Amino acid sequence: MSGALVQDATQDDLVDKGQQFYDRQLKAVLEPDHAGRFVAIEPDSGRYFLADTGIAALRAARAEVPGKLFYLVRIGHRAAYSIRNNQQPGAIGVGPERPLTHR
């Protein structure tokens, strides 16, 4: 198996485990009081790290659990970040909060 396929399988597994952990263990606990914040989840250990930005959540997670991959969630949102048209027709930007739009 090629390295790219192993990496894709690992990323898919991380996404599946991270989303399942969030849905089953964290969603009901975090959404009432932390909507809009970010949580970085290490699904194998069940450790998670809250912060006001995605970068801050990931930095805190990596400081505590170096060498692991994390699943990032924006609490109460469908995605941590989205691609949006923010300047002119045909321009694409990345930013929090706005849903993916296609023109």
PDB file of N, CA and C in Angstrom:
ATOM      1  N   MET A   1       0.854  -1.178   0.000  1.00  0.00           N
ATOM      2  CA  MET A   1       0.000   0.000   0.000  1.00  0.00           C
ATOM      3  C   MET A   1       0.896   1.236   0.000  1.00  0.00           C
ATOM      4  N   SER A   2       0.534   2.227  -0.783  1.00  0.00           N
ATOM      5  CA  SER A   2       1.365   3.431  -0.871  1.00  0.00           C
ATOM      6  C   SER A   2       1.199   4.296   0.372  1.00  0.00           C
ATOM      7  N   GLY A   3       2.183   5.164   0.602  1.00  0.00           N
ATOM      8  CA  GLY A   3       2.132   6.071   1.743  1.00  0.00           C
ATOM      9  C   GLY A   3       0.926   6.989   1.705  1.00  0.00           C
ATOM     10  N   ALA A   4       0.542   7.437   0.508  1.00  0.00           N
ATOM     11  CA  ALA A   4      -0.619   8.330   0.385  1.00  0.00           C
ATOM     12  C   ALA A   4      -1.898   7.628   0.812  1.00  0.00           C
ATOM     13  N   LEU A   5      -2.036   6.357   0.460  1.00  0.00           N
ATOM     14  CA  LEU A   5      -3.240   5.618   0.856  1.00  0.00           C
ATOM     15  C   LEU A   5      -3.285   5.396   2.355  1.00  0.00           C
ATOM     16  N   VAL A   6      -2.140   5.117   2.971  1.00  0.00           N
ATOM     17  CA  VAL A   6      -2.087   4.942   4.420  1.00  0.00           C
ATOM     18  C   VAL A   6      -2.451   6.254   5.098  1.00  0.00           C
ATOM     19  N   GLN A   7      -1.906   7.367   4.597  1.00  0.00           N
ATOM     20  CA  GLN A   7      -2.208   8.669   5.183  1.00  0.00           C
ATOM     21  C   GLN A   7      -3.695   8.983   5.048  1.00  0.00           C
ATOM     22  N   ASP A   8      -4.294   8.723   3.895  1.00  0.00           N
ATOM     23  CA  ASP A   8      -5.718   8.969   3.703  1.00  0.00           C
ATOM     24  C   ASP A   8      -6.549   8.123   4.652  1.00  0.00           C
ATOM     25  N   ALA A   9      -6.176   6.846   4.821  1.00  0.00           N
ATOM     26  CA  ALA A   9      -6.907   5.962   5.725  1.00  0.00           C
ATOM     27  C   ALA A   9      -6.801   6.467   7.159  1.00  0.00           C
ATOM     28  N   THR A  10      -5.620   6.934   7.548  1.00  0.00           N
ATOM     29  CA  THR A  10      -5.415   7.461   8.895  1.00  0.00           C
ATOM     30  C   THR A  10      -6.254   8.721   9.104  1.00  0.00           C
ATOM     31  N   GLN A  11      -6.291   9.600   8.124  1.00  0.00           N
ATOM     32  CA  GLN A  11      -7.084  10.823   8.237  1.00  0.00           C
ATOM     33  C   GLN A  11      -8.573  10.504   8.297  1.00  0.00           C
ATOM     34  N   ASP A  12      -9.023   9.564   7.478  1.00  0.00           N
ATOM     35  CA  ASP A  12     -10.434   9.171   7.510  1.00  0.00           C
ATOM     36  C   ASP A  12     -10.802   8.608   8.874  1.00  0.00           C
ATOM     37  N   ASP A  13      -9.917   7.784   9.439  1.00  0.00           N
ATOM     38  CA  ASP A  13     -10.148   7.198  10.753  1.00  0.00           C
ATOM     39  C   ASP A  13     -10.208   8.288  11.821  1.00  0.00           C
ATOM     40  N   LEU A  14      -9.306   9.258  11.740  1.00  0.00           N
ATOM     41  CA  LEU A  14      -9.301  10.374  12.684  1.00  0.00           C
ATOM     42  C   LEU A  14     -10.608  11.152  12.610  1.00  0.00           C
ATOM     43  N   VAL A  15     -11.061  11.436  11.407  1.00  0.00           N
ATOM     44  CA  VAL A  15     -12.316  12.173  11.223  1.00  0.00           C
ATOM     45  C   VAL A  15     -13.482  11.387  11.803  1.00  0.00           C
ATOM     46  N   ASP A  16     -13.561  10.102  11.481  1.00  0.00           N
ATOM     47  CA  ASP A  16     -14.662   9.270  11.983  1.00  0.00           C
ATOM     48  C   ASP A  16     -14.652   9.198  13.509  1.00  0.00           C
ATOM     49  N   LYS A  17     -13.508   8.888  14.087  1.00  0.00           N
ATOM     50  CA  LYS A  17     -13.400   8.772  15.545  1.00  0.00           C
ATOM     51  C   LYS A  17     -13.649  10.106  16.238  1.00  0.00           C
ATOM     52  N   GLY A  18     -13.068  11.175  15.672  1.00  0.00           N
ATOM     53  CA  GLY A  18     -13.238  12.493  16.278  1.00  0.00           C
ATOM     54  C   GLY A  18     -14.681  12.956  16.267  1.00  0.00           C
ATOM     55  N   GLN A  19     -15.373  12.767  15.138  1.00  0.00           N
ATOM     56  CA  GLN A  19     -16.769  13.191  15.052  1.00  0.00           C
ATOM     57  C   GLN A  19     -17.659  12.338  15.959  1.00  0.00           C
ATOM     58  N   GLN A  20     -17.399  11.043  16.005  1.00  0.00           N
ATOM     59  CA  GLN A  20     -18.174  10.168  16.884  1.00  0.00           C
ATOM     60  C   GLN A  20     -17.978  10.556  18.346  1.00  0.00           C
ATOM     61  N   PHE A  21     -16.738  10.825  18.740  1.00  0.00           N
ATOM     62  CA  PHE A  21     -16.463  11.230  20.118  1.00  0.00           C
ATOM     63  C   PHE A  21     -17.179  12.535  20.446  1.00  0.00           C
ATOM     64  N   TYR A  22     -17.093  13.495  19.523  1.00  0.00           N
ATOM     65  CA  TYR A  22     -17.777  14.770  19.750  1.00  0.00           C
ATOM     66  C   TYR A  22     -19.282  14.554  19.893  1.00  0.00           C
ATOM     67  N   ASP A  23     -19.880  13.827  18.960  1.00  0.00           N
ATOM     68  CA  ASP A  23     -21.329  13.614  18.984  1.00  0.00           C
ATOM     69  C   ASP A  23     -21.789  12.883  20.238  1.00  0.00           C
ATOM     70  N   ARG A  24     -21.051  11.877  20.662  1.00  0.00           N
ATOM     71  CA  ARG A  24     -21.473  11.026  21.788  1.00  0.00           C
ATOM     72  C   ARG A  24     -21.108  11.577  23.156  1.00  0.00           C
ATOM     73  N   GLN A  25     -19.941  12.232  23.250  1.00  0.00           N
ATOM     74  CA  GLN A  25     -19.428  12.622  24.557  1.00  0.00           C
ATOM     75  C   GLN A  25     -19.439  14.124  24.849  1.00  0.00           C
ATOM     76  N   LEU A  26     -19.284  14.942  23.828  1.00  0.00           N
ATOM     77  CA  LEU A  26     -19.047  16.362  24.079  1.00  0.00           C
ATOM     78  C   LEU A  26     -20.157  17.300  23.645  1.00  0.00           C
ATOM     79  N   LYS A  27     -20.859  16.966  22.599  1.00  0.00           N
ATOM     80  CA  LYS A  27     -21.836  17.887  22.008  1.00  0.00           C
ATOM     81  C   LYS A  27     -22.828  18.426  23.037  1.00  0.00           C
ATOM     82  N   ALA A  28     -23.490  17.547  23.761  1.00  0.00           N
ATOM     83  CA  ALA A  28     -24.505  17.973  24.728  1.00  0.00           C
ATOM     84  C   ALA A  28     -23.899  18.755  25.893  1.00  0.00           C
ATOM     85  N   VAL A  29     -22.655  18.467  26.220  1.00  0.00           N
ATOM     86  CA  VAL A  29     -21.991  19.136  27.335  1.00  0.00           C
ATOM     87  C   VAL A  29     -21.474  20.519  26.928  1.00  0.00           C
ATOM     88  N   LEU A  30     -20.897  20.625  25.725  1.00  0.00           N
ATOM     89  CA  LEU A  30     -20.230  21.870  25.328  1.00  0.00           C
ATOM     90  C   LEU A  30     -21.135  22.887  24.639  1.00  0.00           C
ATOM     91  N   GLU A  31     -22.100  22.434  23.854  1.00  0.00           N
ATOM     92  CA  GLU A  31     -22.878  23.385  23.050  1.00  0.00           C
ATOM     93  C   GLU A  31     -23.670  24.405  23.860  1.00  0.00           C
ATOM     94  N   PRO A  32     -24.240  24.054  25.009  1.00  0.00           N
ATOM     95  CA  PRO A  32     -25.006  25.075  25.736  1.00  0.00           C
ATOM     96  C   PRO A  32     -24.181  26.291  26.186  1.00  0.00           C
ATOM     97  N   ASP A  33     -22.940  26.087  26.586  1.00  0.00           N
ATOM     98  CA  ASP A  33     -22.145  27.172  27.162  1.00  0.00           C
ATOM     99  C   ASP A  33     -20.939  27.611  26.343  1.00  0.00           C
ATOM    100  N   HIS A  34     -20.598  26.860  25.287  1.00  0.00           N
ATOM    101  CA  HIS A  34     -19.360  27.154  24.563  1.00  0.00           C
ATOM    102  C   HIS A  34     -19.554  27.299  23.055  1.00  0.00           C
ATOM    103  N   ALA A  35     -20.764  27.582  22.609  1.00  0.00           N
ATOM    104  CA  ALA A  35     -21.020  27.720  21.169  1.00  0.00           C
ATOM    105  C   ALA A  35     -20.108  28.783  20.570  1.00  0.00           C
ATOM    106  N   GLY A  36     -19.516  28.445  19.418  1.00  0.00           N
ATOM    107  CA  GLY A  36     -18.627  29.360  18.724  1.00  0.00           C
ATOM    108  C   GLY A  36     -17.157  29.190  19.080  1.00  0.00           C
ATOM    109  N   ARG A  37     -16.869  28.527  20.197  1.00  0.00           N
ATOM    110  CA  ARG A  37     -15.477  28.238  20.563  1.00  0.00           C
ATOM    111  C   ARG A  37     -15.012  27.004  19.795  1.00  0.00           C
ATOM    112  N   PHE A  38     -13.761  26.659  19.947  1.00  0.00           N
ATOM    113  CA  PHE A  38     -13.186  25.514  19.254  1.00  0.00           C
ATOM    114  C   PHE A  38     -12.759  24.456  20.251  1.00  0.00           C
ATOM    115  N   VAL A  39     -12.833  23.198  19.820  1.00  0.00           N
ATOM    116  CA  VAL A  39     -12.342  22.091  20.631  1.00  0.00           C
ATOM    117  C   VAL A  39     -11.479  21.197  19.743  1.00  0.00           C
ATOM    118  N   ALA A  40     -10.269  20.917  20.209  1.00  0.00           N
ATOM    119  CA  ALA A  40      -9.359  19.973  19.553  1.00  0.00           C
ATOM    120  C   ALA A  40      -9.467  18.662  20.314  1.00  0.00           C
ATOM    121  N   ILE A  41      -9.775  17.590  19.589  1.00  0.00           N
ATOM    122  CA  ILE A  41     -10.035  16.292  20.214  1.00  0.00           C
ATOM    123  C   ILE A  41      -8.963  15.293  19.807  1.00  0.00           C
ATOM    124  N   GLU A  42      -8.420  14.580  20.792  1.00  0.00           N
ATOM    125  CA  GLU A  42      -7.541  13.442  20.535  1.00  0.00           C
ATOM    126  C   GLU A  42      -8.398  12.215  20.847  1.00  0.00           C
ATOM    127  N   PRO A  43      -9.026  11.618  19.825  1.00  0.00           N
ATOM    128  CA  PRO A  43     -10.058  10.610  20.069  1.00  0.00           C
ATOM    129  C   PRO A  43      -9.569   9.313  20.704  1.00  0.00           C
ATOM    130  N   ASP A  44      -8.312   8.946  20.530  1.00  0.00           N
ATOM    131  CA  ASP A  44      -7.842   7.696  21.139  1.00  0.00           C
ATOM    132  C   ASP A  44      -7.792   7.781  22.657  1.00  0.00           C
ATOM    133  N   SER A  45      -7.391   8.927  23.194  1.00  0.00           N
ATOM    134  CA  SER A  45      -7.305   9.089  24.646  1.00  0.00           C
ATOM    135  C   SER A  45      -8.565   9.718  25.236  1.00  0.00           C
ATOM    136  N   GLY A  46      -9.348  10.407  24.383  1.00  0.00           N
ATOM    137  CA  GLY A  46     -10.519  11.114  24.885  1.00  0.00           C
ATOM    138  C   GLY A  46     -10.195  12.486  25.451  1.00  0.00           C
ATOM    139  N   ARG A  47      -8.972  12.934  25.300  1.00  0.00           N
ATOM    140  CA  ARG A  47      -8.611  14.265  25.787  1.00  0.00           C
ATOM    141  C   ARG A  47      -9.077  15.306  24.785  1.00  0.00           C
ATOM    142  N   TYR A  48      -9.489  16.455  25.303  1.00  0.00           N
ATOM    143  CA  TYR A  48      -9.919  17.549  24.432  1.00  0.00           C
ATOM    144  C   TYR A  48      -9.518  18.877  25.052  1.00  0.00           C
ATOM    145  N   PHE A  49      -9.408  19.884  24.167  1.00  0.00           N
ATOM    146  CA  PHE A  49      -8.865  21.173  24.561  1.00  0.00           C
ATOM    147  C   PHE A  49      -9.718  22.284  23.972  1.00  0.00           C
ATOM    148  N   LEU A  50     -10.282  23.120  24.833  1.00  0.00           N
ATOM    149  CA  LEU A  50     -11.146  24.234  24.429  1.00  0.00           C
ATOM    150  C   LEU A  50     -10.349  25.523  24.287  1.00  0.00           C
ATOM    151  N   ALA A  51     -10.729  26.343  23.312  1.00  0.00           N
ATOM    152  CA  ALA A  51     -10.116  27.662  23.156  1.00  0.00           C
ATOM    153  C   ALA A  51     -11.025  28.536  22.298  1.00  0.00           C
ATOM    154  N   ASP A  52     -10.715  29.822  22.254  1.00  0.00           N
ATOM    155  CA  ASP A  52     -11.505  30.761  21.470  1.00  0.00           C
ATOM    156  C   ASP A  52     -11.188  30.712  19.978  1.00  0.00           C
ATOM    157  N   THR A  53     -10.021  30.176  19.609  1.00  0.00           N
ATOM    158  CA  THR A  53      -9.655  30.036  18.199  1.00  0.00           C
ATOM    159  C   THR A  53      -9.196  28.603  17.938  1.00  0.00           C
ATOM    160  N   GLY A  54      -9.256  28.207  16.683  1.00  0.00           N
ATOM    161  CA  GLY A  54      -8.790  26.882  16.313  1.00  0.00           C
ATOM    162  C   GLY A  54      -7.304  26.714  16.578  1.00  0.00           C
ATOM    163  N   ILE A  55      -6.532  27.739  16.247  1.00  0.00           N
ATOM    164  CA  ILE A  55      -5.078  27.685  16.470  1.00  0.00           C
ATOM    165  C   ILE A  55      -4.763  27.515  17.951  1.00  0.00           C
ATOM    166  N   ALA A  56      -5.452  28.259  18.808  1.00  0.00           N
ATOM    167  CA  ALA A  56      -5.196  28.160  20.249  1.00  0.00           C
ATOM    168  C   ALA A  56      -5.554  26.773  20.786  1.00  0.00           C
ATOM    169  N   ALA A  57      -6.657  26.197  20.307  1.00  0.00           N
ATOM    170  CA  ALA A  57      -7.045  24.848  20.742  1.00  0.00           C
ATOM    171  C   ALA A  57      -6.001  23.827  20.313  1.00  0.00           C
ATOM    172  N   LEU A  58      -5.530  23.930  19.067  1.00  0.00           N
ATOM    173  CA  LEU A  58      -4.523  22.994  18.575  1.00  0.00           C
ATOM    174  C   LEU A  58      -3.178  23.184  19.271  1.00  0.00           C
ATOM    175  N   ARG A  59      -2.801  24.416  19.565  1.00  0.00           N
ATOM    176  CA  ARG A  59      -1.545  24.659  20.291  1.00  0.00           C
ATOM    177  C   ARG A  59      -1.591  24.055  21.692  1.00  0.00           C
ATOM    178  N   ALA A  60      -2.701  24.248  22.376  1.00  0.00           N
ATOM    179  CA  ALA A  60      -2.852  23.670  23.720  1.00  0.00           C
ATOM    180  C   ALA A  60      -2.801  22.144  23.657  1.00  0.00           C
ATOM    181  N   ALA A  61      -3.464  21.575  22.667  1.00  0.00           N
ATOM    182  CA  ALA A  61      -3.485  20.123  22.519  1.00  0.00           C
ATOM    183  C   ALA A  61      -2.084  19.585  22.240  1.00  0.00           C
ATOM    184  N   ARG A  62      -1.367  20.213  21.327  1.00  0.00           N
ATOM    185  CA  ARG A  62      -0.025  19.736  20.962  1.00  0.00           C
ATOM    186  C   ARG A  62       0.960  19.907  22.113  1.00  0.00           C
ATOM    187  N   ALA A  63       0.767  20.925  22.941  1.00  0.00           N
ATOM    188  CA  ALA A  63       1.643  21.117  24.095  1.00  0.00           C
ATOM    189  C   ALA A  63       1.463  19.989  25.117  1.00  0.00           C
ATOM    190  N   GLU A  64       0.236  19.518  25.260  1.00  0.00           N
ATOM    191  CA  GLU A  64      -0.069  18.466  26.231  1.00  0.00           C
ATOM    192  C   GLU A  64       0.129  17.059  25.680  1.00  0.00           C
ATOM    193  N   VAL A  65      -0.140  16.870  24.397  1.00  0.00           N
ATOM    194  CA  VAL A  65      -0.062  15.548  23.771  1.00  0.00           C
ATOM    195  C   VAL A  65       0.727  15.676  22.470  1.00  0.00           C
ATOM    196  N   PRO A  66       2.035  15.859  22.562  1.00  0.00           N
ATOM    197  CA  PRO A  66       2.834  16.048  21.342  1.00  0.00           C
ATOM    198  C   PRO A  66       2.854  14.786  20.478  1.00  0.00           C
ATOM    199  N   GLY A  67       2.953  15.007  19.177  1.00  0.00           N
ATOM    200  CA  GLY A  67       3.087  13.891  18.257  1.00  0.00           C
ATOM    201  C   GLY A  67       1.785  13.217  17.859  1.00  0.00           C
ATOM    202  N   LYS A  68       0.656  13.710  18.322  1.00  0.00           N
ATOM    203  CA  LYS A  68      -0.638  13.123  17.974  1.00  0.00           C
ATOM    204  C   LYS A  68      -1.366  14.021  16.983  1.00  0.00           C
ATOM    205  N   LEU A  69      -2.354  13.452  16.320  1.00  0.00           N
ATOM    206  CA  LEU A  69      -3.235  14.214  15.439  1.00  0.00           C
ATOM    207  C   LEU A  69      -4.514  14.540  16.189  1.00  0.00           C
ATOM    208  N   PHE A  70      -5.122  15.675  15.855  1.00  0.00           N
ATOM    209  CA  PHE A  70      -6.321  16.134  16.546  1.00  0.00           C
ATOM    210  C   PHE A  70      -7.427  16.432  15.553  1.00  0.00           C
ATOM    211  N   TYR A  71      -8.644  16.221  16.012  1.00  0.00           N
ATOM    212  CA  TYR A  71      -9.835  16.553  15.235  1.00  0.00           C
ATOM    213  C   TYR A  71     -10.352  17.874  15.784  1.00  0.00           C
ATOM    214  N   LEU A  72     -10.510  18.873  14.921  1.00  0.00           N
ATOM    215  CA  LEU A  72     -10.916  20.207  15.343  1.00  0.00           C
ATOM    216  C   LEU A  72     -12.383  20.448  15.013  1.00  0.00           C
ATOM    217  N   VAL A  73     -13.132  20.931  16.008  1.00  0.00           N
ATOM    218  CA  VAL A  73     -14.556  21.217  15.857  1.00  0.00           C
ATOM    219  C   VAL A  73     -14.814  22.643  16.314  1.00  0.00           C
ATOM    220  N   ARG A  74     -15.624  23.359  15.563  1.00  0.00           N
ATOM    221  CA  ARG A  74     -16.149  24.630  16.057  1.00  0.00           C
ATOM    222  C   ARG A  74     -17.496  24.305  16.681  1.00  0.00           C
ATOM    223  N   ILE A  75     -17.609  24.504  17.947  1.00  0.00           N
ATOM    224  CA  ILE A  75     -18.769  24.071  18.721  1.00  0.00           C
ATOM    225  C   ILE A  75     -20.031  24.764  18.222  1.00  0.00           C
ATOM    226  N   GLY A  76     -21.026  23.935  17.892  1.00  0.00           N
ATOM    227  CA  GLY A  76     -22.305  24.445  17.412  1.00  0.00           C
ATOM    228  C   GLY A  76     -22.343  24.760  15.935  1.00  0.00           C
ATOM    229  N   HIS A  77     -21.288  24.443  15.197  1.00  0.00           N
ATOM    230  CA  HIS A  77     -21.215  24.716  13.757  1.00  0.00           C
ATOM    231  C   HIS A  77     -20.990  23.424  12.993  1.00  0.00           C
ATOM    232  N   ARG A  78     -21.345  23.433  11.713  1.00  0.00           N
ATOM    233  CA  ARG A  78     -21.151  22.248  10.871  1.00  0.00           C
ATOM    234  C   ARG A  78     -19.689  22.005  10.552  1.00  0.00           C
ATOM    235  N   ALA A  79     -18.887  23.056  10.521  1.00  0.00           N
ATOM    236  CA  ALA A  79     -17.467  22.924  10.195  1.00  0.00           C
ATOM    237  C   ALA A  79     -16.664  23.938  10.998  1.00  0.00           C
ATOM    238  N   ALA A  80     -15.409  23.612  11.256  1.00  0.00           N
ATOM    239  CA  ALA A  80     -14.548  24.548  11.984  1.00  0.00           C
ATOM    240  C   ALA A  80     -14.307  25.800  11.146  1.00  0.00           C
ATOM    241  N   TYR A  81     -14.071  25.604   9.854  1.00  0.00           N
ATOM    242  CA  TYR A  81     -13.852  26.713   8.922  1.00  0.00           C
ATOM    243  C   TYR A  81     -14.578  26.387   7.633  1.00  0.00           C
ATOM    244  N   SER A  82     -14.849  27.407   6.843  1.00  0.00           N
ATOM    245  CA  SER A  82     -15.517  27.194   5.562  1.00  0.00           C
ATOM    246  C   SER A  82     -14.848  28.036   4.489  1.00  0.00           C
ATOM    247  N   ILE A  83     -15.073  27.644   3.265  1.00  0.00           N
ATOM    248  CA  ILE A  83     -14.581  28.408   2.126  1.00  0.00           C
ATOM    249  C   ILE A  83     -15.706  29.345   1.709  1.00  0.00           C
ATOM    250  N   ARG A  84     -15.373  30.595   1.484  1.00  0.00           N
ATOM    251  CA  ARG A  84     -16.415  31.558   1.125  1.00  0.00           C
ATOM    252  C   ARG A  84     -15.904  32.527   0.078  1.00  0.00           C
ATOM    253  N   ASN A  85     -16.825  33.123  -0.629  1.00  0.00           N
ATOM    254  CA  ASN A  85     -16.514  34.156  -1.607  1.00  0.00           C
ATOM    255  C   ASN A  85     -16.570  35.474  -0.856  1.00  0.00           C
ATOM    256  N   ASN A  86     -15.398  36.067  -0.596  1.00  0.00           N
ATOM    257  CA  ASN A  86     -15.391  37.244   0.270  1.00  0.00           C
ATOM    258  C   ASN A  86     -14.958  38.537  -0.403  1.00  0.00           C
ATOM    259  N   GLN A  87     -14.586  38.506  -1.683  1.00  0.00           N
ATOM    260  CA  GLN A  87     -14.097  39.743  -2.265  1.00  0.00           C
ATOM    261  C   GLN A  87     -14.783  40.077  -3.582  1.00  0.00           C
ATOM    262  N   GLN A  88     -14.737  39.190  -4.509  1.00  0.00           N
ATOM    263  CA  GLN A  88     -15.291  39.468  -5.828  1.00  0.00           C
ATOM    264  C   GLN A  88     -15.711  38.146  -6.457  1.00  0.00           C
ATOM    265  N   PRO A  89     -16.530  38.197  -7.478  1.00  0.00           N
ATOM    266  CA  PRO A  89     -16.913  36.948  -8.125  1.00  0.00           C
ATOM    267  C   PRO A  89     -15.680  36.142  -8.535  1.00  0.00           C
ATOM    268  N   GLY A  90     -15.666  34.881  -8.161  1.00  0.00           N
ATOM    269  CA  GLY A  90     -14.555  34.006  -8.491  1.00  0.00           C
ATOM    270  C   GLY A  90     -13.480  33.944  -7.429  1.00  0.00           C
ATOM    271  N   ALA A  91     -13.477  34.874  -6.454  1.00  0.00           N
ATOM    272  CA  ALA A  91     -12.473  34.857  -5.388  1.00  0.00           C
ATOM    273  C   ALA A  91     -12.940  33.936  -4.283  1.00  0.00           C
ATOM    274  N   ILE A  92     -12.021  33.188  -3.724  1.00  0.00           N
ATOM    275  CA  ILE A  92     -12.347  32.265  -2.635  1.00  0.00           C
ATOM    276  C   ILE A  92     -11.478  32.613  -1.447  1.00  0.00           C
ATOM    277  N   GLY A  93     -12.090  32.665  -0.262  1.00  0.00           N
ATOM    278  CA  GLY A  93     -11.353  32.908   0.973  1.00  0.00           C
ATOM    279  C   GLY A  93     -11.736  31.855   1.988  1.00  0.00           C
ATOM    280  N   VAL A  94     -10.980  31.764   3.062  1.00  0.00           N
ATOM    281  CA  VAL A  94     -11.272  30.815   4.130  1.00  0.00           C
ATOM    282  C   VAL A  94     -11.494  31.609   5.392  1.00  0.00           C
ATOM    283  N   GLY A  95     -12.529  31.273   6.129  1.00  0.00           N
ATOM    284  CA  GLY A  95     -12.791  31.976   7.371  1.00  0.00           C
ATOM    285  C   GLY A  95     -13.811  31.260   8.209  1.00  0.00           C
ATOM    286  N   PRO A  96     -13.902  31.597   9.494  1.00  0.00           N
ATOM    287  CA  PRO A  96     -14.875  30.973  10.381  1.00  0.00           C
ATOM    288  C   PRO A  96     -16.273  31.519  10.160  1.00  0.00           C
ATOM    289  N   GLU A  97     -17.251  30.754  10.598  1.00  0.00           N
ATOM    290  CA  GLU A  97     -18.659  31.139  10.717  1.00  0.00           C
ATOM    291  C   GLU A  97     -19.485  31.152   9.455  1.00  0.00           C
ATOM    292  N   ARG A  98     -18.959  31.496   8.344  1.00  0.00           N
ATOM    293  CA  ARG A  98     -19.812  31.601   7.151  1.00  0.00           C
ATOM    294  C   ARG A  98     -19.918  30.272   6.449  1.00  0.00           C
ATOM    295  N   PRO A  99     -21.114  29.899   6.026  1.00  0.00           N
ATOM    296  CA  PRO A  99     -21.275  28.609   5.346  1.00  0.00           C
ATOM    297  C   PRO A  99     -20.653  28.625   3.962  1.00  0.00           C
ATOM    298  N   LEU A 100     -20.386  27.445   3.463  1.00  0.00           N
ATOM    299  CA  LEU A 100     -19.837  27.284   2.121  1.00  0.00           C
ATOM    300  C   LEU A 100     -20.870  27.740   1.110  1.00  0.00           C
ATOM    301  N   THR A 101     -20.458  28.613   0.233  1.00  0.00           N
ATOM    302  CA  THR A 101     -21.358  29.078  -0.831  1.00  0.00           C
ATOM    303  C   THR A 101     -20.700  28.836  -2.162  1.00  0.00           C
ATOM    304  N   HIS A 102     -21.519  28.607  -3.163  1.00  0.00           N
ATOM    305  CA  HIS A 102     -21.004  28.340  -4.505  1.00  0.00           C
ATOM    306  C   HIS A 102     -21.730  29.233  -5.488  1.00  0.00           C
ATOM    307  N   ARG A 103     -20.990  29.906  -6.347  1.00  0.00           N
ATOM    308  CA  ARG A 103     -21.618  30.768  -7.353  1.00  0.00           C
ATOM    309  C   ARG A 103     -21.269  30.290  -8.706  1.00  0.00           C
TER     310      ARG A 103
END
